[in-house]
Amino acid sequence: MDVEGEPKLEPEFLHYAGLYREALNTNSSAYRFLCLYKIIEGVRLRRNRLAKEARASGHKPQCFRFEDVPAESEALRPWLNAIYGPRDWPDLTVDQVLPPDVRGRRFGQIIESKLTPLRNEVAHGILDSGESGMSIDDMLKLERVNQLLPLTRTIARRILKNSFRDQFLSHLPDPPQTPSAAGQ
């Protein structure tokens, strides 16, 4: 039963919301990472499907803003507030969520260079029976998972907000468009 005035939640969104809930409820950082990565991967595949359908019907595919990490320090906190809500962001927290080496980079670059290789190690170590990937007891690799979890969660939240604007974080306004991002 829908509440009057509230948007109806799409089944696709509910699938990703379930994965997000799983990620938040688990005590396993490896499983949390895999759930968040699955959201990112799934939404990207969904976008490709929708873009192909739009082009086939003569429409322009949807473009998504704010899917690059701001390069300018002063833009980081407003960018984070748009997906986590207004809060105090100490420098250490900003550095953990958005490490300096990802600033100014597009999500696709970050996903391909950092998240996908780690996802392959984690998933193959846990799920596959072939070559060993990551041992659950390998503390160095778990440390890499833990280091990338805040960034992975942030990317998942942003792409969910962009893809399901009326259903996820609709109450949080986007940051002002920066001059460098306005041309993208």
N, C-alpha and C. Protein backbone atom coordinates (compact mmCIF):
# COMPACT_ATOMS: atom_id res chain seq x y z
N MET A 1 0.84 -1.18 0.00
CA MET A 1 0.00 0.00 0.00
C MET A 1 0.89 1.24 0.00
N ASP A 2 0.66 2.11 -0.96
CA ASP A 2 1.43 3.34 -1.07
C ASP A 2 0.83 4.42 -0.19
N VAL A 3 1.70 5.17 0.43
CA VAL A 3 1.27 6.33 1.20
C VAL A 3 1.06 7.46 0.21
N GLU A 4 -0.06 8.17 0.35
CA GLU A 4 -0.35 9.24 -0.59
C GLU A 4 0.73 10.31 -0.56
N GLY A 5 1.17 10.72 -1.74
CA GLY A 5 2.20 11.73 -1.86
C GLY A 5 3.61 11.17 -1.84
N GLU A 6 3.78 9.92 -1.48
CA GLU A 6 5.11 9.29 -1.47
C GLU A 6 5.33 8.56 -2.78
N PRO A 7 6.54 8.63 -3.32
CA PRO A 7 6.80 7.91 -4.57
C PRO A 7 6.74 6.40 -4.35
N LYS A 8 6.29 5.71 -5.37
CA LYS A 8 6.26 4.25 -5.31
C LYS A 8 7.69 3.75 -5.52
N LEU A 9 8.11 2.84 -4.69
CA LEU A 9 9.46 2.31 -4.78
C LEU A 9 9.52 1.26 -5.87
N GLU A 10 10.45 1.46 -6.80
CA GLU A 10 10.61 0.54 -7.92
C GLU A 10 11.25 -0.75 -7.44
N PRO A 11 10.86 -1.89 -8.02
CA PRO A 11 11.48 -3.16 -7.64
C PRO A 11 13.00 -3.15 -7.81
N GLU A 12 13.50 -2.49 -8.86
CA GLU A 12 14.96 -2.42 -9.04
C GLU A 12 15.61 -1.68 -7.89
N PHE A 13 15.01 -0.59 -7.47
CA PHE A 13 15.56 0.15 -6.34
C PHE A 13 15.52 -0.71 -5.08
N LEU A 14 14.43 -1.42 -4.87
CA LEU A 14 14.31 -2.26 -3.67
C LEU A 14 15.40 -3.33 -3.63
N HIS A 15 15.78 -3.84 -4.80
CA HIS A 15 16.88 -4.81 -4.87
C HIS A 15 18.17 -4.18 -4.34
N TYR A 16 18.50 -2.99 -4.83
CA TYR A 16 19.73 -2.32 -4.40
C TYR A 16 19.64 -1.86 -2.94
N ALA A 17 18.46 -1.45 -2.52
CA ALA A 17 18.27 -1.06 -1.12
C ALA A 17 18.50 -2.26 -0.20
N GLY A 18 18.07 -3.44 -0.65
CA GLY A 18 18.30 -4.66 0.12
C GLY A 18 19.79 -4.97 0.24
N LEU A 19 20.52 -4.79 -0.85
CA LEU A 19 21.98 -5.00 -0.81
C LEU A 19 22.64 -3.98 0.13
N TYR A 20 22.16 -2.75 0.09
CA TYR A 20 22.72 -1.72 0.96
C TYR A 20 22.46 -2.07 2.43
N ARG A 21 21.25 -2.52 2.71
CA ARG A 21 20.91 -2.93 4.08
C ARG A 21 21.80 -4.09 4.52
N GLU A 22 22.02 -5.08 3.63
CA GLU A 22 22.92 -6.19 3.93
C GLU A 22 24.31 -5.68 4.28
N ALA A 23 24.80 -4.73 3.48
CA ALA A 23 26.13 -4.18 3.72
C ALA A 23 26.23 -3.53 5.09
N LEU A 24 25.20 -2.81 5.48
CA LEU A 24 25.23 -2.12 6.77
C LEU A 24 25.07 -3.07 7.94
N ASN A 25 24.38 -4.18 7.73
CA ASN A 25 24.07 -5.09 8.84
C ASN A 25 25.13 -6.16 9.09
N THR A 26 26.07 -6.34 8.18
CA THR A 26 27.04 -7.41 8.36
C THR A 26 28.22 -6.98 9.23
N ASN A 27 28.82 -7.95 9.88
CA ASN A 27 30.04 -7.70 10.65
C ASN A 27 31.29 -8.01 9.83
N SER A 28 31.09 -8.54 8.64
CA SER A 28 32.21 -8.91 7.78
C SER A 28 32.53 -7.78 6.83
N SER A 29 33.74 -7.23 6.91
CA SER A 29 34.10 -6.14 6.01
C SER A 29 34.19 -6.63 4.57
N ALA A 30 34.62 -7.87 4.35
CA ALA A 30 34.70 -8.41 2.99
C ALA A 30 33.30 -8.52 2.38
N TYR A 31 32.34 -9.02 3.15
CA TYR A 31 30.97 -9.14 2.65
C TYR A 31 30.36 -7.75 2.44
N ARG A 32 30.64 -6.82 3.34
CA ARG A 32 30.14 -5.45 3.19
C ARG A 32 30.66 -4.85 1.88
N PHE A 33 31.96 -5.02 1.63
CA PHE A 33 32.55 -4.52 0.40
C PHE A 33 31.88 -5.15 -0.82
N LEU A 34 31.67 -6.47 -0.79
CA LEU A 34 31.05 -7.14 -1.94
C LEU A 34 29.62 -6.65 -2.18
N CYS A 35 28.86 -6.43 -1.12
CA CYS A 35 27.49 -5.91 -1.27
C CYS A 35 27.51 -4.52 -1.90
N LEU A 36 28.37 -3.65 -1.42
CA LEU A 36 28.45 -2.30 -1.97
C LEU A 36 28.94 -2.32 -3.41
N TYR A 37 29.91 -3.17 -3.69
CA TYR A 37 30.41 -3.28 -5.06
C TYR A 37 29.30 -3.79 -5.98
N LYS A 38 28.51 -4.73 -5.51
CA LYS A 38 27.42 -5.28 -6.32
C LYS A 38 26.40 -4.20 -6.66
N ILE A 39 26.17 -3.27 -5.75
CA ILE A 39 25.29 -2.13 -6.05
C ILE A 39 25.89 -1.31 -7.19
N ILE A 40 27.16 -0.98 -7.06
CA ILE A 40 27.84 -0.18 -8.09
C ILE A 40 27.80 -0.89 -9.43
N GLU A 41 28.16 -2.15 -9.43
CA GLU A 41 28.18 -2.95 -10.66
C GLU A 41 26.78 -3.06 -11.26
N GLY A 42 25.80 -3.36 -10.44
CA GLY A 42 24.43 -3.53 -10.92
C GLY A 42 23.83 -2.26 -11.48
N VAL A 43 24.06 -1.15 -10.80
CA VAL A 43 23.51 0.13 -11.28
C VAL A 43 24.19 0.52 -12.59
N ARG A 44 25.47 0.27 -12.71
CA ARG A 44 26.17 0.58 -13.97
C ARG A 44 25.61 -0.27 -15.12
N LEU A 45 25.35 -1.54 -14.88
CA LEU A 45 24.74 -2.39 -15.91
C LEU A 45 23.34 -1.92 -16.26
N ARG A 46 22.58 -1.54 -15.24
CA ARG A 46 21.22 -1.01 -15.46
C ARG A 46 21.28 0.25 -16.32
N ARG A 47 22.22 1.14 -16.02
CA ARG A 47 22.36 2.37 -16.80
C ARG A 47 22.69 2.06 -18.26
N ASN A 48 23.58 1.10 -18.48
CA ASN A 48 23.92 0.72 -19.86
C ASN A 48 22.69 0.20 -20.59
N ARG A 49 21.89 -0.61 -19.91
CA ARG A 49 20.67 -1.14 -20.52
C ARG A 49 19.70 0.00 -20.85
N LEU A 50 19.50 0.91 -19.92
CA LEU A 50 18.58 2.03 -20.14
C LEU A 50 19.08 2.96 -21.24
N ALA A 51 20.40 3.16 -21.32
CA ALA A 51 20.97 4.01 -22.38
C ALA A 51 20.75 3.36 -23.74
N LYS A 52 20.94 2.07 -23.82
CA LYS A 52 20.73 1.35 -25.08
C LYS A 52 19.25 1.44 -25.49
N GLU A 53 18.35 1.28 -24.53
CA GLU A 53 16.91 1.39 -24.82
C GLU A 53 16.56 2.80 -25.27
N ALA A 54 17.15 3.81 -24.63
CA ALA A 54 16.87 5.21 -25.00
C ALA A 54 17.34 5.48 -26.42
N ARG A 55 18.54 5.05 -26.75
CA ARG A 55 19.07 5.26 -28.11
C ARG A 55 18.22 4.52 -29.14
N ALA A 56 17.78 3.31 -28.81
CA ALA A 56 16.96 2.52 -29.74
C ALA A 56 15.62 3.19 -30.01
N SER A 57 15.12 3.95 -29.04
CA SER A 57 13.85 4.63 -29.23
C SER A 57 14.03 6.09 -29.68
N GLY A 58 15.27 6.45 -30.04
CA GLY A 58 15.53 7.79 -30.56
C GLY A 58 15.71 8.86 -29.51
N HIS A 59 15.90 8.49 -28.27
CA HIS A 59 16.10 9.45 -27.19
C HIS A 59 17.56 9.51 -26.79
N LYS A 60 17.89 10.59 -26.12
CA LYS A 60 19.25 10.76 -25.61
C LYS A 60 19.35 10.07 -24.25
N PRO A 61 20.42 9.28 -24.03
CA PRO A 61 20.59 8.64 -22.71
C PRO A 61 20.77 9.68 -21.61
N GLN A 62 20.37 9.32 -20.42
CA GLN A 62 20.49 10.21 -19.27
C GLN A 62 21.96 10.38 -18.88
N CYS A 63 22.33 11.60 -18.52
CA CYS A 63 23.67 11.89 -18.01
C CYS A 63 23.57 12.08 -16.50
N PHE A 64 24.63 11.72 -15.80
CA PHE A 64 24.61 11.80 -14.35
C PHE A 64 25.70 12.75 -13.86
N ARG A 65 25.30 13.71 -13.04
CA ARG A 65 26.22 14.70 -12.50
C ARG A 65 26.80 14.23 -11.18
N PHE A 66 27.88 14.86 -10.81
CA PHE A 66 28.53 14.66 -9.52
C PHE A 66 29.12 13.26 -9.36
N GLU A 67 29.44 12.62 -10.48
CA GLU A 67 30.06 11.30 -10.38
C GLU A 67 31.55 11.38 -10.67
N ASP A 68 32.12 12.42 -10.12
CA ASP A 68 33.55 12.57 -10.06
C ASP A 68 33.85 13.18 -8.70
N VAL A 69 34.93 12.78 -8.10
CA VAL A 69 35.29 13.30 -6.80
C VAL A 69 35.90 14.68 -7.01
N PRO A 70 35.40 15.68 -6.32
CA PRO A 70 35.95 17.02 -6.51
C PRO A 70 37.46 17.05 -6.25
N ALA A 71 38.15 17.84 -7.03
CA ALA A 71 39.59 18.00 -6.87
C ALA A 71 39.90 19.07 -5.82
N GLU A 72 39.03 20.08 -5.73
CA GLU A 72 39.26 21.21 -4.84
C GLU A 72 38.82 20.86 -3.42
N SER A 73 39.68 21.15 -2.46
CA SER A 73 39.40 20.82 -1.05
C SER A 73 38.10 21.44 -0.57
N GLU A 74 37.83 22.68 -0.97
CA GLU A 74 36.63 23.37 -0.48
C GLU A 74 35.34 22.77 -1.04
N ALA A 75 35.42 21.97 -2.08
CA ALA A 75 34.23 21.35 -2.67
C ALA A 75 33.92 19.98 -2.07
N LEU A 76 34.84 19.40 -1.30
CA LEU A 76 34.65 18.04 -0.79
C LEU A 76 33.51 17.93 0.21
N ARG A 77 33.45 18.83 1.17
CA ARG A 77 32.42 18.73 2.21
C ARG A 77 31.00 18.95 1.67
N PRO A 78 30.77 19.97 0.82
CA PRO A 78 29.42 20.10 0.24
C PRO A 78 29.04 18.87 -0.61
N TRP A 79 30.02 18.30 -1.30
CA TRP A 79 29.77 17.11 -2.12
C TRP A 79 29.36 15.94 -1.23
N LEU A 80 30.05 15.77 -0.10
CA LEU A 80 29.71 14.71 0.85
C LEU A 80 28.36 14.97 1.53
N ASN A 81 28.08 16.24 1.87
CA ASN A 81 26.80 16.57 2.51
C ASN A 81 25.61 16.20 1.63
N ALA A 82 25.79 16.23 0.33
CA ALA A 82 24.69 15.90 -0.59
C ALA A 82 24.33 14.43 -0.57
N ILE A 83 25.20 13.59 -0.02
CA ILE A 83 24.88 12.16 0.03
C ILE A 83 24.88 11.58 1.44
N TYR A 84 25.33 12.35 2.42
CA TYR A 84 25.29 11.89 3.81
C TYR A 84 24.49 12.82 4.71
N GLY A 85 24.14 13.98 4.23
CA GLY A 85 23.46 14.97 5.06
C GLY A 85 24.49 15.90 5.69
N PRO A 86 24.04 17.11 6.02
CA PRO A 86 24.96 18.09 6.59
C PRO A 86 25.54 17.61 7.92
N ARG A 87 26.85 17.71 8.04
CA ARG A 87 27.53 17.33 9.27
C ARG A 87 28.91 17.95 9.29
N ASP A 88 29.53 17.85 10.43
CA ASP A 88 30.92 18.30 10.55
C ASP A 88 31.80 17.20 9.98
N TRP A 89 32.68 17.55 9.06
CA TRP A 89 33.58 16.60 8.42
C TRP A 89 35.01 16.96 8.80
N PRO A 90 35.55 16.35 9.87
CA PRO A 90 36.96 16.61 10.20
C PRO A 90 37.87 16.18 9.03
N ASP A 91 39.01 16.82 8.93
CA ASP A 91 39.94 16.52 7.83
C ASP A 91 40.28 15.04 7.75
N LEU A 92 40.50 14.39 8.88
CA LEU A 92 40.85 12.98 8.89
C LEU A 92 39.73 12.14 8.28
N THR A 93 38.49 12.47 8.59
CA THR A 93 37.35 11.74 8.04
C THR A 93 37.25 11.94 6.54
N VAL A 94 37.41 13.17 6.09
CA VAL A 94 37.38 13.45 4.64
C VAL A 94 38.47 12.66 3.94
N ASP A 95 39.65 12.60 4.53
CA ASP A 95 40.75 11.86 3.92
C ASP A 95 40.48 10.35 3.89
N GLN A 96 39.73 9.84 4.85
CA GLN A 96 39.40 8.42 4.86
C GLN A 96 38.31 8.09 3.84
N VAL A 97 37.33 8.98 3.73
CA VAL A 97 36.22 8.75 2.80
C VAL A 97 36.64 9.03 1.36
N LEU A 98 37.38 10.11 1.17
CA LEU A 98 37.84 10.52 -0.16
C LEU A 98 39.36 10.70 -0.13
N PRO A 99 40.10 9.60 -0.23
CA PRO A 99 41.56 9.71 -0.16
C PRO A 99 42.09 10.66 -1.22
N PRO A 100 43.19 11.34 -0.92
CA PRO A 100 43.74 12.31 -1.88
C PRO A 100 43.99 11.74 -3.28
N ASP A 101 44.34 10.47 -3.39
CA ASP A 101 44.65 9.91 -4.71
C ASP A 101 43.42 9.68 -5.60
N VAL A 102 42.21 9.88 -5.07
CA VAL A 102 41.01 9.75 -5.93
C VAL A 102 40.39 11.10 -6.24
N ARG A 103 40.88 12.15 -5.66
CA ARG A 103 40.30 13.48 -5.87
C ARG A 103 40.55 13.94 -7.30
N GLY A 104 39.51 14.47 -7.88
CA GLY A 104 39.59 14.92 -9.26
C GLY A 104 39.39 13.79 -10.27
N ARG A 105 39.09 12.61 -9.80
CA ARG A 105 38.92 11.46 -10.70
C ARG A 105 37.45 11.09 -10.83
N ARG A 106 37.10 10.58 -11.99
CA ARG A 106 35.73 10.13 -12.26
C ARG A 106 35.52 8.76 -11.61
N PHE A 107 34.26 8.47 -11.29
CA PHE A 107 33.94 7.20 -10.67
C PHE A 107 34.42 6.01 -11.49
N GLY A 108 34.22 6.07 -12.81
CA GLY A 108 34.63 4.96 -13.65
C GLY A 108 36.10 4.63 -13.50
N GLN A 109 36.94 5.66 -13.42
CA GLN A 109 38.38 5.46 -13.23
C GLN A 109 38.67 4.81 -11.89
N ILE A 110 38.00 5.28 -10.86
CA ILE A 110 38.22 4.75 -9.51
C ILE A 110 37.76 3.30 -9.43
N ILE A 111 36.60 3.03 -10.00
CA ILE A 111 36.05 1.68 -9.96
C ILE A 111 36.99 0.71 -10.68
N GLU A 112 37.41 1.10 -11.87
CA GLU A 112 38.27 0.20 -12.66
C GLU A 112 39.66 0.02 -12.07
N SER A 113 40.24 1.08 -11.51
CA SER A 113 41.63 0.99 -11.03
C SER A 113 41.75 0.48 -9.59
N LYS A 114 40.75 0.75 -8.76
CA LYS A 114 40.86 0.39 -7.34
C LYS A 114 39.85 -0.66 -6.89
N LEU A 115 38.59 -0.45 -7.21
CA LEU A 115 37.56 -1.31 -6.64
C LEU A 115 37.45 -2.67 -7.35
N THR A 116 37.48 -2.67 -8.67
CA THR A 116 37.31 -3.94 -9.40
C THR A 116 38.45 -4.92 -9.10
N PRO A 117 39.71 -4.49 -9.12
CA PRO A 117 40.76 -5.46 -8.78
C PRO A 117 40.59 -6.05 -7.37
N LEU A 118 40.23 -5.20 -6.41
CA LEU A 118 40.02 -5.70 -5.05
C LEU A 118 38.80 -6.60 -4.99
N ARG A 119 37.75 -6.23 -5.68
CA ARG A 119 36.55 -7.08 -5.73
C ARG A 119 36.90 -8.46 -6.27
N ASN A 120 37.73 -8.51 -7.32
CA ASN A 120 38.11 -9.80 -7.89
C ASN A 120 38.90 -10.65 -6.89
N GLU A 121 39.81 -10.03 -6.17
CA GLU A 121 40.57 -10.76 -5.15
C GLU A 121 39.66 -11.28 -4.05
N VAL A 122 38.76 -10.43 -3.57
CA VAL A 122 37.88 -10.82 -2.47
C VAL A 122 36.91 -11.90 -2.92
N ALA A 123 36.23 -11.66 -4.02
CA ALA A 123 35.21 -12.61 -4.48
C ALA A 123 35.82 -13.94 -4.88
N HIS A 124 36.94 -13.91 -5.55
CA HIS A 124 37.56 -15.16 -5.98
C HIS A 124 38.10 -15.94 -4.79
N GLY A 125 38.58 -15.23 -3.80
CA GLY A 125 39.07 -15.89 -2.60
C GLY A 125 37.96 -16.52 -1.78
N ILE A 126 36.78 -15.93 -1.85
CA ILE A 126 35.66 -16.42 -1.05
C ILE A 126 34.78 -17.37 -1.84
N LEU A 127 34.52 -17.08 -3.12
CA LEU A 127 33.50 -17.79 -3.87
C LEU A 127 34.02 -18.83 -4.85
N ASP A 128 35.16 -18.56 -5.46
CA ASP A 128 35.64 -19.46 -6.51
C ASP A 128 36.43 -20.62 -5.92
N SER A 129 36.50 -21.69 -6.70
CA SER A 129 37.29 -22.83 -6.27
C SER A 129 38.59 -22.92 -7.05
N GLY A 130 38.87 -21.90 -7.89
CA GLY A 130 40.08 -21.90 -8.71
C GLY A 130 41.26 -21.35 -7.93
N GLU A 131 42.07 -20.55 -8.61
CA GLU A 131 43.24 -19.95 -7.98
C GLU A 131 42.82 -19.17 -6.74
N SER A 132 43.66 -19.23 -5.74
CA SER A 132 43.32 -18.52 -4.52
C SER A 132 43.43 -17.01 -4.74
N GLY A 133 42.54 -16.30 -4.14
CA GLY A 133 42.54 -14.84 -4.21
C GLY A 133 42.91 -14.31 -2.84
N MET A 134 41.93 -13.94 -2.09
CA MET A 134 42.16 -13.37 -0.77
C MET A 134 41.73 -14.37 0.28
N SER A 135 42.59 -14.67 1.20
CA SER A 135 42.23 -15.50 2.34
C SER A 135 41.47 -14.61 3.32
N ILE A 136 40.47 -15.17 3.93
CA ILE A 136 39.72 -14.42 4.94
C ILE A 136 40.64 -13.99 6.07
N ASP A 137 41.72 -14.74 6.28
CA ASP A 137 42.64 -14.44 7.36
C ASP A 137 43.79 -13.52 6.93
N ASP A 138 43.82 -13.11 5.68
CA ASP A 138 44.89 -12.26 5.18
C ASP A 138 44.66 -10.83 5.64
N MET A 139 45.33 -10.44 6.70
CA MET A 139 45.09 -9.14 7.31
C MET A 139 45.49 -7.97 6.42
N LEU A 140 46.52 -8.15 5.57
CA LEU A 140 46.91 -7.06 4.69
C LEU A 140 45.82 -6.77 3.67
N LYS A 141 45.21 -7.80 3.13
CA LYS A 141 44.14 -7.58 2.16
C LYS A 141 42.87 -7.09 2.85
N LEU A 142 42.61 -7.58 4.05
CA LEU A 142 41.47 -7.05 4.79
C LEU A 142 41.67 -5.58 5.12
N GLU A 143 42.91 -5.20 5.36
CA GLU A 143 43.19 -3.78 5.60
C GLU A 143 42.87 -2.96 4.36
N ARG A 144 43.20 -3.47 3.16
CA ARG A 144 42.85 -2.78 1.92
C ARG A 144 41.34 -2.68 1.77
N VAL A 145 40.63 -3.75 2.10
CA VAL A 145 39.16 -3.70 2.05
C VAL A 145 38.65 -2.62 2.99
N ASN A 146 39.15 -2.61 4.22
CA ASN A 146 38.70 -1.62 5.20
C ASN A 146 39.05 -0.19 4.78
N GLN A 147 40.19 -0.01 4.13
CA GLN A 147 40.57 1.33 3.67
C GLN A 147 39.65 1.81 2.56
N LEU A 148 39.20 0.91 1.70
CA LEU A 148 38.36 1.31 0.57
C LEU A 148 36.86 1.27 0.87
N LEU A 149 36.47 0.74 2.00
CA LEU A 149 35.03 0.67 2.32
C LEU A 149 34.35 2.03 2.35
N PRO A 150 34.91 3.05 3.02
CA PRO A 150 34.21 4.35 3.02
C PRO A 150 34.04 4.93 1.61
N LEU A 151 35.06 4.82 0.79
CA LEU A 151 34.97 5.30 -0.60
C LEU A 151 33.94 4.50 -1.38
N THR A 152 33.94 3.19 -1.21
CA THR A 152 32.99 2.32 -1.92
C THR A 152 31.57 2.66 -1.51
N ARG A 153 31.35 2.85 -0.23
CA ARG A 153 30.01 3.22 0.26
C ARG A 153 29.58 4.57 -0.30
N THR A 154 30.50 5.50 -0.38
CA THR A 154 30.20 6.84 -0.89
C THR A 154 29.82 6.77 -2.37
N ILE A 155 30.57 6.02 -3.15
CA ILE A 155 30.24 5.87 -4.57
C ILE A 155 28.88 5.19 -4.73
N ALA A 156 28.63 4.15 -3.95
CA ALA A 156 27.33 3.46 -4.02
C ALA A 156 26.19 4.42 -3.70
N ARG A 157 26.33 5.23 -2.66
CA ARG A 157 25.28 6.18 -2.29
C ARG A 157 25.05 7.20 -3.39
N ARG A 158 26.13 7.73 -3.99
CA ARG A 158 25.97 8.75 -5.03
C ARG A 158 25.28 8.17 -6.26
N ILE A 159 25.69 6.97 -6.69
CA ILE A 159 25.06 6.44 -7.90
C ILE A 159 23.62 6.02 -7.64
N LEU A 160 23.32 5.59 -6.41
CA LEU A 160 21.92 5.29 -6.07
C LEU A 160 21.10 6.58 -6.07
N LYS A 161 21.65 7.63 -5.50
CA LYS A 161 20.93 8.91 -5.48
C LYS A 161 20.68 9.40 -6.90
N ASN A 162 21.68 9.32 -7.77
CA ASN A 162 21.51 9.78 -9.14
C ASN A 162 20.54 8.91 -9.93
N SER A 163 20.59 7.62 -9.72
CA SER A 163 19.78 6.70 -10.52
C SER A 163 18.35 6.56 -10.01
N PHE A 164 18.14 6.78 -8.73
CA PHE A 164 16.81 6.65 -8.13
C PHE A 164 16.50 7.92 -7.34
N ARG A 165 16.55 9.04 -8.03
CA ARG A 165 16.48 10.37 -7.42
C ARG A 165 15.25 10.56 -6.53
N ASP A 166 14.10 10.03 -6.91
CA ASP A 166 12.88 10.22 -6.12
C ASP A 166 12.77 9.22 -4.96
N GLN A 167 13.67 8.23 -4.92
CA GLN A 167 13.53 7.17 -3.94
C GLN A 167 14.66 7.09 -2.93
N PHE A 168 15.78 7.73 -3.23
CA PHE A 168 16.95 7.62 -2.35
C PHE A 168 17.57 9.00 -2.14
N LEU A 169 17.55 9.45 -0.91
CA LEU A 169 18.17 10.72 -0.51
C LEU A 169 17.60 11.93 -1.23
N SER A 170 16.33 11.87 -1.59
CA SER A 170 15.72 12.98 -2.32
C SER A 170 15.64 14.25 -1.48
N HIS A 171 15.74 14.11 -0.18
CA HIS A 171 15.67 15.27 0.71
C HIS A 171 16.99 16.04 0.80
N LEU A 172 18.06 15.48 0.25
CA LEU A 172 19.36 16.14 0.31
C LEU A 172 19.66 16.85 -1.00
N PRO A 173 19.85 18.18 -0.95
CA PRO A 173 20.15 18.90 -2.20
C PRO A 173 21.58 18.62 -2.67
N ASP A 174 21.76 18.66 -3.98
CA ASP A 174 23.09 18.51 -4.55
C ASP A 174 23.88 19.77 -4.30
N PRO A 175 25.22 19.65 -4.29
CA PRO A 175 26.04 20.85 -4.10
C PRO A 175 25.97 21.75 -5.31
N PRO A 176 26.36 23.01 -5.16
CA PRO A 176 26.41 23.87 -6.33
C PRO A 176 27.39 23.30 -7.34
N GLN A 177 27.08 23.49 -8.61
CA GLN A 177 27.95 23.00 -9.68
C GLN A 177 29.21 23.87 -9.71
N THR A 178 30.38 23.24 -9.63
CA THR A 178 31.62 23.99 -9.70
C THR A 178 31.92 24.35 -11.16
N PRO A 179 32.63 25.44 -11.40
CA PRO A 179 32.92 25.84 -12.79
C PRO A 179 33.61 24.73 -13.58
N SER A 180 34.55 23.99 -12.95
CA SER A 180 35.25 22.93 -13.68
C SER A 180 34.33 21.78 -14.00
N ALA A 181 33.36 21.48 -13.13
CA ALA A 181 32.44 20.37 -13.37
C ALA A 181 31.30 20.77 -14.31
N ALA A 182 31.02 22.07 -14.41
CA ALA A 182 29.90 22.52 -15.23
C ALA A 182 30.13 22.22 -16.70
N GLY A 183 31.38 22.17 -17.13
CA GLY A 183 31.67 21.89 -18.52
C GLY A 183 31.67 20.43 -18.87
N GLN A 184 31.50 19.55 -17.91
CA GLN A 184 31.54 18.11 -18.16
C GLN A 184 30.23 17.58 -18.63
